[in-house]
Amino acid sequence: MHHTNTQIGSYFVSRLTAALIPLGLAITLVSLPASAQQTEGFTPEGLIQEILQLNPGLAAQRLETLAREEQIVSAGALDDPRVNYAIAPASIGDNIPSALGDTLGVRQVIQLSQNFPWAGKRQLRTEVAQAQSTAAHLMTQDLQLQLIAAGRRHWASWWDVHQALTINREQQQLLTEQEKVIETQYASGSGLQQDLLQVQTARIQADHRDIVLEQQARRVRARINALRNRPTAAELAATEEQPQPPTLPADTVLHSWLEEANPALRGARAEADAARADRDLTYKNDFPDVQVNVGYNELWNASDLRLQVGVSVNIPLDFGKRSARKAASDYQLNSARTDIQYLHNQLLSELEQALSRAEEAQHAIELCREQLIPIAQQSLTASQSDYQEGIADFSNVIQAEQALLEARLLLSRSMADQYQAHAEIDRLVGGRLWPFEFSGH
């Protein structure tokens, strides 16, 4: 038994050394600053540029914003003037005293009218349109920030799943080679069936993990391509860039940025401004509009009686409709103002949750780099040495390999989680944490 363990253990030493060299390099790269790394392939900046240029939802929202802008000019404009024309059928063929009527052979009535709203109504209509246009602009900004955050989150997931695939395939290769050695020893009668079953079980689990990760990559690719307005199965390049989120300022600074720059919150305030102006306009409708009329009436024989000028006003009687409209406008204004407070609380809650996720991920990253991975490496070396000396079971080697695998996967996942949490924080603070310059049109 000692002789067999020595043979297998010697092989494991060589394989472990070969496996730990790329692992050490990977961990070193993870620890390097962004400026010291090669940036190739599929970058988050390139993905975001594509999304902002090609996403149809953002294009639709931009068009809606342009439409709102155009409505500002017309909101405060006067109504179209009206022209009324009438004839007296019984006068056809009569001796018409006017030259025009005599030429046409009929008496006519022509009237031009123009409606003038009560003072202040046009201004309030313009204010409503301006506030709605501002809200539309802010909705566009909010959607753009959502897409930027989504792009960063999905890019981090794409990086993480490929890191996990690389790590798992190294494990698959190691387990496959271990299985061959133990299988040979077992066939010659110098190995244990239990060792062979253990390494086969670990290899099957690694094979299944590879399938799971491939399907995860497929789902991430579909989400990314949807944002890019591309076919869901369109190929994506791998990414070599390490997730490098910006440093977080103090919580008080982030809260201040949220108050000042979050477009959803600012948009809710603009909607409240529109509701306030609409409420004022509803109350202003208790005052009548004025219609000025200028007409020419050929029913009069005397020429000095034919030109007529007049004024008409509507009588703003209630009959329950005006008080109901005013009550509705009050409710809408109060609803809009309440929405601001509700949204404000929601955003603060989301910010606190994102900060918590970022702190948790940072702790996991430090734990993996400083303790879990070094300890797992030492444990694997020790368990292999003990097995070689015949003082430990092969299961210890398998467990140590699994612990190192899990630590490496945890580091990758935590780096992606931190990047994603910072992307969400950036969205909540209006892009001030992680400014992005869109180079498209």
Protein backbone atom coordinates (compact mmCIF):
# COMPACT_ATOMS: atom_id res chain seq x y z
CA MET A 1 0.00 0.00 0.00
CA HIS A 2 2.80 2.42 0.86
CA HIS A 3 4.50 1.65 -2.46
CA THR A 4 1.27 2.29 -4.37
CA ASN A 5 0.59 5.54 -2.58
CA THR A 6 4.14 6.65 -3.30
CA GLN A 7 3.71 6.08 -7.03
CA ILE A 8 0.36 7.82 -7.20
CA GLY A 9 1.55 10.55 -4.87
CA SER A 10 4.61 11.26 -7.00
CA TYR A 11 2.36 11.71 -9.97
CA PHE A 12 0.11 14.02 -8.00
CA VAL A 13 3.10 16.14 -7.01
CA SER A 14 3.96 16.73 -10.64
CA ARG A 15 0.34 17.40 -11.62
CA LEU A 16 -0.23 19.66 -8.63
CA THR A 17 2.84 21.72 -9.49
CA ALA A 18 1.64 22.08 -13.09
CA ALA A 19 -1.83 23.07 -11.89
CA LEU A 20 -0.64 25.60 -9.32
CA ILE A 21 1.60 27.51 -11.75
CA PRO A 22 -1.33 28.88 -13.84
CA LEU A 23 -3.35 29.29 -10.65
CA GLY A 24 -0.64 31.45 -9.11
CA LEU A 25 -0.47 33.50 -12.28
CA ALA A 26 -4.26 33.95 -12.28
CA ILE A 27 -4.29 35.07 -8.67
CA THR A 28 -1.43 37.49 -9.38
CA LEU A 29 -3.36 38.98 -12.29
CA VAL A 30 -6.44 39.35 -10.12
CA SER A 31 -4.35 41.35 -7.66
CA LEU A 32 -2.85 43.71 -10.26
CA PRO A 33 -4.25 47.22 -10.81
CA ALA A 34 -6.18 47.84 -14.01
CA SER A 35 -3.33 49.83 -15.54
CA ALA A 36 -1.03 46.81 -15.35
CA GLN A 37 -3.36 44.44 -17.20
CA GLN A 38 -3.89 43.81 -20.88
CA THR A 39 -7.35 44.87 -22.03
CA GLU A 40 -8.49 42.91 -25.03
CA GLY A 41 -11.64 41.55 -26.58
CA PHE A 42 -15.08 42.22 -25.19
CA THR A 43 -14.92 45.32 -22.94
CA PRO A 44 -17.70 46.84 -20.83
CA GLU A 45 -17.17 50.25 -22.46
CA GLY A 46 -17.57 48.77 -25.93
CA LEU A 47 -20.70 46.91 -24.87
CA ILE A 48 -22.27 50.03 -23.37
CA GLN A 49 -21.54 52.03 -26.52
CA GLU A 50 -23.32 49.36 -28.55
CA ILE A 51 -26.30 49.28 -26.21
CA LEU A 52 -26.79 53.05 -26.19
CA GLN A 53 -26.53 53.17 -29.97
CA LEU A 54 -28.64 50.13 -30.88
CA ASN A 55 -31.16 49.54 -28.09
CA PRO A 56 -34.66 50.11 -29.57
CA GLY A 57 -36.24 50.92 -26.21
CA LEU A 58 -33.86 53.83 -25.71
CA ALA A 59 -34.43 54.99 -29.30
CA ALA A 60 -38.20 54.99 -28.69
CA GLN A 61 -37.80 56.99 -25.49
CA ARG A 62 -35.61 59.55 -27.24
CA LEU A 63 -38.31 60.01 -29.89
CA GLU A 64 -40.91 60.45 -27.14
CA THR A 65 -38.73 63.16 -25.62
CA LEU A 66 -38.49 64.98 -28.96
CA ALA A 67 -42.27 64.79 -29.29
CA ARG A 68 -42.71 66.34 -25.86
CA GLU A 69 -40.35 69.17 -26.78
CA GLU A 70 -42.37 69.99 -29.89
CA GLN A 71 -45.58 70.15 -27.84
CA ILE A 72 -44.27 73.03 -25.74
CA VAL A 73 -44.65 75.54 -28.59
CA SER A 74 -48.21 74.52 -29.38
CA ALA A 75 -49.35 74.27 -25.75
CA GLY A 76 -49.56 78.02 -25.22
CA ALA A 77 -50.63 78.96 -28.74
CA LEU A 78 -54.02 80.46 -29.54
CA ASP A 79 -56.71 78.25 -31.02
CA ASP A 80 -57.17 78.43 -34.76
CA PRO A 81 -59.48 81.26 -35.88
CA ARG A 82 -62.84 80.14 -37.29
CA VAL A 83 -64.63 81.31 -40.42
CA ASN A 84 -68.40 80.88 -40.69
CA TYR A 85 -70.16 81.23 -44.04
CA ALA A 86 -73.91 81.08 -44.69
CA ILE A 87 -76.33 81.97 -47.47
CA ALA A 88 -80.01 82.78 -47.56
CA PRO A 89 -81.46 80.29 -50.10
CA ALA A 90 -84.68 82.29 -50.53
CA SER A 91 -82.62 85.25 -51.76
CA ILE A 92 -81.33 83.47 -54.83
CA GLY A 93 -82.16 85.51 -57.89
CA ASP A 94 -83.26 88.59 -55.92
CA ASN A 95 -81.91 92.02 -56.54
CA ILE A 96 -78.94 91.94 -54.14
CA PRO A 97 -77.84 95.39 -53.07
CA SER A 98 -74.14 94.57 -52.61
CA ALA A 99 -71.83 94.14 -55.57
CA LEU A 100 -70.50 90.80 -54.23
CA GLY A 101 -73.97 89.43 -53.53
CA ASP A 102 -75.28 90.63 -56.86
CA THR A 103 -72.40 88.92 -58.64
CA LEU A 104 -73.02 85.63 -56.84
CA GLY A 105 -76.77 86.00 -56.98
CA VAL A 106 -77.40 85.27 -53.29
CA ARG A 107 -77.31 87.04 -49.93
CA GLN A 108 -74.43 85.87 -47.68
CA VAL A 109 -73.26 86.01 -44.10
CA ILE A 110 -69.51 85.78 -43.44
CA GLN A 111 -68.03 85.76 -39.93
CA LEU A 112 -64.47 85.47 -38.57
CA SER A 113 -63.97 84.59 -34.89
CA GLN A 114 -60.98 84.14 -32.60
CA ASN A 115 -60.98 82.67 -29.10
CA PHE A 116 -58.80 84.31 -26.41
CA PRO A 117 -58.36 82.30 -23.17
CA TRP A 118 -58.57 84.03 -19.81
CA ALA A 119 -55.31 85.64 -18.77
CA GLY A 120 -52.80 83.10 -17.44
CA LYS A 121 -54.32 79.99 -19.04
CA ARG A 122 -51.90 79.89 -21.93
CA GLN A 123 -48.95 80.30 -19.57
CA LEU A 124 -50.17 77.43 -17.40
CA ARG A 125 -50.62 75.19 -20.44
CA THR A 126 -47.04 75.98 -21.42
CA GLU A 127 -45.85 75.16 -17.89
CA VAL A 128 -47.61 71.79 -18.02
CA ALA A 129 -45.97 70.98 -21.37
CA GLN A 130 -42.55 72.14 -20.17
CA ALA A 131 -42.77 70.03 -17.02
CA GLN A 132 -43.89 67.00 -19.03
CA SER A 133 -41.02 67.56 -21.47
CA THR A 134 -38.57 67.75 -18.56
CA ALA A 135 -40.01 64.53 -17.15
CA ALA A 136 -39.60 62.84 -20.54
CA HIS A 137 -35.95 63.99 -20.72
CA LEU A 138 -35.33 62.57 -17.26
CA MET A 139 -37.06 59.32 -18.16
CA THR A 140 -34.63 59.04 -21.07
CA GLN A 141 -31.69 59.67 -18.74
CA ASP A 142 -33.02 57.11 -16.28
CA LEU A 143 -33.46 54.49 -19.00
CA GLN A 144 -29.95 55.21 -20.28
CA LEU A 145 -28.52 54.72 -16.79
CA GLN A 146 -30.51 51.51 -16.41
CA LEU A 147 -29.08 50.22 -19.68
CA ILE A 148 -25.54 51.20 -18.69
CA ALA A 149 -25.94 49.40 -15.35
CA ALA A 150 -27.45 46.37 -17.09
CA GLY A 151 -24.56 46.32 -19.56
CA ARG A 152 -22.02 46.38 -16.75
CA ARG A 153 -23.87 43.70 -14.77
CA HIS A 154 -24.15 41.35 -17.74
CA TRP A 155 -20.54 41.98 -18.76
CA ALA A 156 -19.44 41.02 -15.24
CA SER A 157 -21.57 37.87 -15.44
CA TRP A 158 -20.00 37.07 -18.82
CA TRP A 159 -16.51 37.50 -17.36
CA ASP A 160 -17.38 35.45 -14.28
CA VAL A 161 -18.88 32.50 -16.17
CA HIS A 162 -15.81 32.29 -18.41
CA GLN A 163 -13.52 32.45 -15.41
CA ALA A 164 -15.52 29.64 -13.82
CA LEU A 165 -15.35 27.60 -17.03
CA THR A 166 -11.58 28.02 -17.18
CA ILE A 167 -11.13 27.02 -13.54
CA ASN A 168 -13.49 24.06 -13.84
CA ARG A 169 -11.82 22.77 -17.02
CA GLU A 170 -8.44 22.84 -15.31
CA GLN A 171 -10.05 20.75 -12.58
CA GLN A 172 -11.58 18.40 -15.17
CA GLN A 173 -8.20 17.85 -16.80
CA LEU A 174 -6.52 17.17 -13.46
CA LEU A 175 -9.23 14.71 -12.37
CA THR A 176 -9.17 12.93 -15.71
CA GLU A 177 -5.43 12.37 -15.48
CA GLN A 178 -5.72 11.30 -11.85
CA GLU A 179 -8.42 8.83 -12.83
CA LYS A 180 -6.17 7.28 -15.49
CA VAL A 181 -3.32 6.77 -13.01
CA ILE A 182 -5.53 5.28 -10.29
CA GLU A 183 -7.37 3.13 -12.83
CA THR A 184 -4.03 1.72 -14.02
CA GLN A 185 -2.92 1.02 -10.44
CA TYR A 186 -6.26 -0.59 -9.60
CA ALA A 187 -6.13 -2.81 -12.69
CA SER A 188 -2.66 -4.00 -11.66
CA GLY A 189 -3.92 -4.83 -8.18
CA SER A 190 -1.89 -2.19 -6.38
CA GLY A 191 -4.65 0.45 -6.09
CA LEU A 192 -7.90 0.76 -4.16
CA GLN A 193 -11.34 0.71 -5.73
CA GLN A 194 -12.45 3.35 -3.22
CA ASP A 195 -9.84 5.79 -4.58
CA LEU A 196 -10.98 5.14 -8.13
CA LEU A 197 -14.65 5.69 -7.22
CA GLN A 198 -13.83 8.94 -5.43
CA VAL A 199 -11.93 10.45 -8.33
CA GLN A 200 -14.61 9.28 -10.78
CA THR A 201 -17.31 10.92 -8.67
CA ALA A 202 -15.35 14.19 -8.54
CA ARG A 203 -14.77 14.05 -12.30
CA ILE A 204 -18.49 13.46 -13.01
CA GLN A 205 -19.38 16.40 -10.79
CA ALA A 206 -16.89 18.58 -12.67
CA ASP A 207 -18.35 17.43 -16.00
CA HIS A 208 -21.84 18.37 -14.85
CA ARG A 209 -20.58 21.73 -13.57
CA ASP A 210 -19.16 22.41 -17.03
CA ILE A 211 -22.59 21.82 -18.61
CA VAL A 212 -24.25 24.08 -16.03
CA LEU A 213 -21.73 26.85 -16.70
CA GLU A 214 -22.16 26.51 -20.48
CA GLN A 215 -25.90 26.98 -20.11
CA GLN A 216 -25.34 29.91 -17.78
CA ALA A 217 -23.12 31.49 -20.44
CA ARG A 218 -25.85 30.90 -23.00
CA ARG A 219 -28.39 32.76 -20.86
CA VAL A 220 -26.02 35.67 -20.22
CA ARG A 221 -25.26 35.91 -23.96
CA ALA A 222 -28.99 36.05 -24.72
CA ARG A 223 -29.48 38.90 -22.24
CA ILE A 224 -26.53 40.85 -23.64
CA ASN A 225 -27.67 40.39 -27.24
CA ALA A 226 -31.18 41.55 -26.34
CA LEU A 227 -29.71 44.80 -25.04
CA ARG A 228 -27.63 45.13 -28.24
CA ASN A 229 -30.69 44.46 -30.44
CA ARG A 230 -28.94 41.44 -31.93
CA PRO A 231 -30.05 37.81 -32.43
CA THR A 232 -30.00 36.05 -29.08
CA ALA A 233 -27.52 33.43 -30.26
CA ALA A 234 -25.10 35.92 -31.84
CA GLU A 235 -21.51 35.13 -30.83
CA LEU A 236 -19.70 37.26 -28.26
CA ALA A 237 -15.96 37.52 -27.82
CA ALA A 238 -14.40 36.48 -24.56
CA THR A 239 -13.17 39.19 -22.22
CA GLU A 240 -9.71 39.43 -20.70
CA GLU A 241 -10.31 42.63 -18.75
CA GLN A 242 -10.54 42.24 -14.98
CA PRO A 243 -13.52 43.88 -13.23
CA GLN A 244 -12.22 47.15 -11.78
CA PRO A 245 -15.05 49.18 -10.18
CA PRO A 246 -14.41 52.73 -8.97
CA THR A 247 -13.70 53.51 -5.35
CA LEU A 248 -16.78 54.39 -3.33
CA PRO A 249 -16.90 57.79 -1.60
CA ALA A 250 -18.48 58.26 1.81
CA ASP A 251 -22.12 57.27 2.22
CA THR A 252 -23.08 60.90 2.84
CA VAL A 253 -21.68 61.83 -0.58
CA LEU A 254 -23.62 59.04 -2.27
CA HIS A 255 -26.85 60.13 -0.56
CA SER A 256 -26.24 63.70 -1.69
CA TRP A 257 -25.67 62.53 -5.27
CA LEU A 258 -28.86 60.51 -5.18
CA GLU A 259 -30.87 63.53 -4.02
CA GLU A 260 -29.36 65.80 -6.67
CA ALA A 261 -28.84 63.61 -9.71
CA ASN A 262 -31.10 60.54 -9.71
CA PRO A 263 -33.19 61.06 -12.87
CA ALA A 264 -36.14 58.99 -11.65
CA LEU A 265 -36.45 61.17 -8.54
CA ARG A 266 -36.00 64.35 -10.56
CA GLY A 267 -38.56 63.07 -13.05
CA ALA A 268 -41.07 62.49 -10.24
CA ARG A 269 -40.54 66.10 -9.16
CA ALA A 270 -41.14 67.25 -12.75
CA GLU A 271 -44.35 65.21 -12.85
CA ALA A 272 -45.44 66.94 -9.64
CA ASP A 273 -44.71 70.31 -11.27
CA ALA A 274 -46.89 69.31 -14.21
CA ALA A 275 -49.67 68.22 -11.83
CA ARG A 276 -49.42 71.52 -9.96
CA ALA A 277 -49.68 73.57 -13.17
CA ASP A 278 -52.57 71.40 -14.36
CA ARG A 279 -54.35 71.91 -11.04
CA ASP A 280 -53.90 75.69 -11.34
CA LEU A 281 -55.21 75.53 -14.89
CA THR A 282 -58.25 73.57 -13.76
CA TYR A 283 -59.05 76.24 -11.18
CA LYS A 284 -58.41 78.96 -13.78
CA ASN A 285 -61.08 77.38 -15.97
CA ASP A 286 -63.67 78.91 -13.63
CA PHE A 287 -63.01 82.13 -15.54
CA PRO A 288 -64.58 82.48 -18.99
CA ASP A 289 -62.79 82.64 -22.30
CA VAL A 290 -63.49 85.52 -24.68
CA GLN A 291 -64.39 85.09 -28.33
CA VAL A 292 -64.08 88.10 -30.67
CA ASN A 293 -66.26 88.02 -33.81
CA VAL A 294 -66.05 90.12 -36.99
CA GLY A 295 -68.73 89.54 -39.64
CA TYR A 296 -70.27 90.80 -42.89
CA ASN A 297 -74.05 90.30 -43.20
CA GLU A 298 -75.68 90.94 -46.58
CA LEU A 299 -79.14 90.29 -45.17
CA TRP A 300 -79.18 93.99 -44.38
CA ASN A 301 -79.96 96.27 -47.30
CA ALA A 302 -78.26 99.26 -45.69
CA SER A 303 -74.54 99.00 -46.29
CA ASP A 304 -73.64 100.64 -42.96
CA LEU A 305 -75.38 97.80 -41.10
CA ARG A 306 -73.62 94.93 -42.81
CA LEU A 307 -70.29 95.03 -40.93
CA GLN A 308 -70.72 93.55 -37.43
CA VAL A 309 -68.31 93.21 -34.52
CA GLY A 310 -69.10 91.25 -31.38
CA VAL A 311 -67.81 89.47 -28.32
CA SER A 312 -69.03 86.24 -26.74
CA VAL A 313 -68.04 84.48 -23.52
CA ASN A 314 -68.81 81.09 -22.08
CA ILE A 315 -70.66 81.02 -18.78
CA PRO A 316 -68.67 78.73 -16.45
CA LEU A 317 -71.58 77.17 -14.61
CA ASP A 318 -70.71 74.25 -12.34
CA PHE A 319 -73.45 71.64 -12.56
CA GLY A 320 -71.03 69.47 -10.56
CA LYS A 321 -68.52 69.03 -13.37
CA ARG A 322 -66.15 71.84 -12.45
CA SER A 323 -65.96 70.98 -8.76
CA ALA A 324 -65.33 67.33 -9.70
CA ARG A 325 -62.51 68.32 -12.05
CA LYS A 326 -60.94 70.51 -9.38
CA ALA A 327 -61.17 67.72 -6.81
CA ALA A 328 -59.58 65.31 -9.30
CA SER A 329 -56.74 67.73 -9.99
CA ASP A 330 -56.14 68.10 -6.24
CA TYR A 331 -55.97 64.33 -5.84
CA GLN A 332 -53.56 64.03 -8.77
CA LEU A 333 -51.26 66.68 -7.34
CA ASN A 334 -51.25 65.07 -3.91
CA SER A 335 -50.63 61.68 -5.53
CA ALA A 336 -47.66 63.05 -7.48
CA ARG A 337 -46.18 64.60 -4.34
CA THR A 338 -46.67 61.38 -2.38
CA ASP A 339 -45.00 59.44 -5.20
CA ILE A 340 -41.88 61.55 -4.70
CA GLN A 341 -41.58 60.50 -1.07
CA TYR A 342 -42.33 56.86 -1.88
CA LEU A 343 -39.74 56.80 -4.67
CA HIS A 344 -37.23 58.60 -2.48
CA ASN A 345 -37.57 55.92 0.22
CA GLN A 346 -37.31 53.14 -2.36
CA LEU A 347 -34.15 54.59 -3.87
CA LEU A 348 -32.52 55.00 -0.46
CA SER A 349 -33.40 51.40 0.30
CA GLU A 350 -31.91 50.21 -2.99
CA LEU A 351 -28.76 52.24 -2.35
CA GLU A 352 -28.36 50.74 1.11
CA GLN A 353 -28.79 47.23 -0.29
CA ALA A 354 -26.27 47.85 -3.07
CA LEU A 355 -23.76 49.24 -0.56
CA SER A 356 -24.25 46.15 1.57
CA ARG A 357 -23.63 43.86 -1.42
CA ALA A 358 -20.50 45.82 -2.34
CA GLU A 359 -19.14 45.58 1.22
CA GLU A 360 -19.90 41.86 1.39
CA ALA A 361 -18.19 41.24 -1.96
CA GLN A 362 -15.12 43.25 -0.90
CA HIS A 363 -14.84 41.18 2.26
CA ALA A 364 -15.09 37.95 0.25
CA ILE A 365 -12.40 39.13 -2.18
CA GLU A 366 -9.98 39.94 0.62
CA LEU A 367 -10.81 36.68 2.38
CA CYS A 368 -10.13 34.64 -0.76
CA ARG A 369 -6.89 36.38 -1.63
CA GLU A 370 -5.42 36.58 1.85
CA GLN A 371 -6.69 33.40 3.50
CA LEU A 372 -8.90 30.93 1.66
CA ILE A 373 -6.79 30.39 -1.47
CA PRO A 374 -3.39 30.31 0.32
CA ILE A 375 -4.76 27.93 2.97
CA ALA A 376 -6.41 25.75 0.33
CA GLN A 377 -3.13 25.55 -1.58
CA GLN A 378 -1.25 24.58 1.57
CA SER A 379 -3.93 22.06 2.49
CA LEU A 380 -3.76 20.44 -0.93
CA THR A 381 0.03 20.19 -0.76
CA ALA A 382 -0.13 18.73 2.74
CA SER A 383 -2.88 16.23 1.96
CA GLN A 384 -1.01 15.03 -1.13
CA SER A 385 2.18 14.65 0.91
CA ASP A 386 0.34 12.73 3.64
CA TYR A 387 -1.23 10.46 1.06
CA GLN A 388 2.18 9.84 -0.52
CA GLU A 389 3.53 8.86 2.89
CA GLY A 390 0.59 6.51 3.44
CA ILE A 391 -0.70 8.31 6.54
CA ALA A 392 -3.88 9.76 4.95
CA ASP A 393 -6.66 8.64 2.62
CA PHE A 394 -7.04 9.74 -0.97
CA SER A 395 -10.36 11.38 0.02
CA ASN A 396 -8.30 14.10 1.74
CA VAL A 397 -6.68 14.96 -1.59
CA ILE A 398 -10.05 15.14 -3.31
CA GLN A 399 -11.48 17.32 -0.54
CA ALA A 400 -8.47 19.66 -0.68
CA GLU A 401 -8.77 19.97 -4.46
CA GLN A 402 -12.49 20.75 -4.06
CA ALA A 403 -11.76 23.39 -1.40
CA LEU A 404 -9.25 25.11 -3.69
CA LEU A 405 -11.70 24.98 -6.58
CA GLU A 406 -14.46 26.53 -4.48
CA ALA A 407 -12.15 29.27 -3.21
CA ARG A 408 -11.13 30.20 -6.75
CA LEU A 409 -14.76 30.22 -7.90
CA LEU A 410 -15.73 32.34 -4.88
CA LEU A 411 -13.06 34.91 -5.76
CA SER A 412 -14.32 35.16 -9.34
CA ARG A 413 -17.95 35.40 -8.23
CA SER A 414 -17.15 38.01 -5.58
CA MET A 415 -15.25 40.20 -8.06
CA ALA A 416 -18.25 40.08 -10.40
CA ASP A 417 -20.64 40.78 -7.49
CA GLN A 418 -18.63 43.82 -6.42
CA TYR A 419 -18.55 45.17 -9.97
CA GLN A 420 -22.30 44.66 -10.32
CA ALA A 421 -23.04 46.31 -6.97
CA HIS A 422 -21.01 49.37 -7.99
CA ALA A 423 -22.90 49.47 -11.30
CA GLU A 424 -26.18 49.58 -9.39
CA ILE A 425 -24.88 52.30 -7.06
CA ASP A 426 -23.82 54.34 -10.10
CA ARG A 427 -27.34 54.08 -11.53
CA LEU A 428 -28.89 55.23 -8.27
CA VAL A 429 -26.61 58.28 -7.94
CA GLY A 430 -27.29 59.47 -11.49
CA GLY A 431 -24.03 58.27 -13.05
CA ARG A 432 -21.79 60.41 -10.85
CA LEU A 433 -19.87 57.47 -9.44
CA TRP A 434 -18.89 56.01 -12.81
CA PRO A 435 -19.23 58.66 -15.55
CA PHE A 436 -19.63 57.32 -19.08
CA GLU A 437 -19.21 59.32 -22.28
CA PHE A 438 -21.47 58.18 -25.11
CA SER A 439 -19.71 58.67 -28.44
CA GLY A 440 -22.77 57.97 -30.61
CA HIS A 441 -25.46 60.30 -31.92
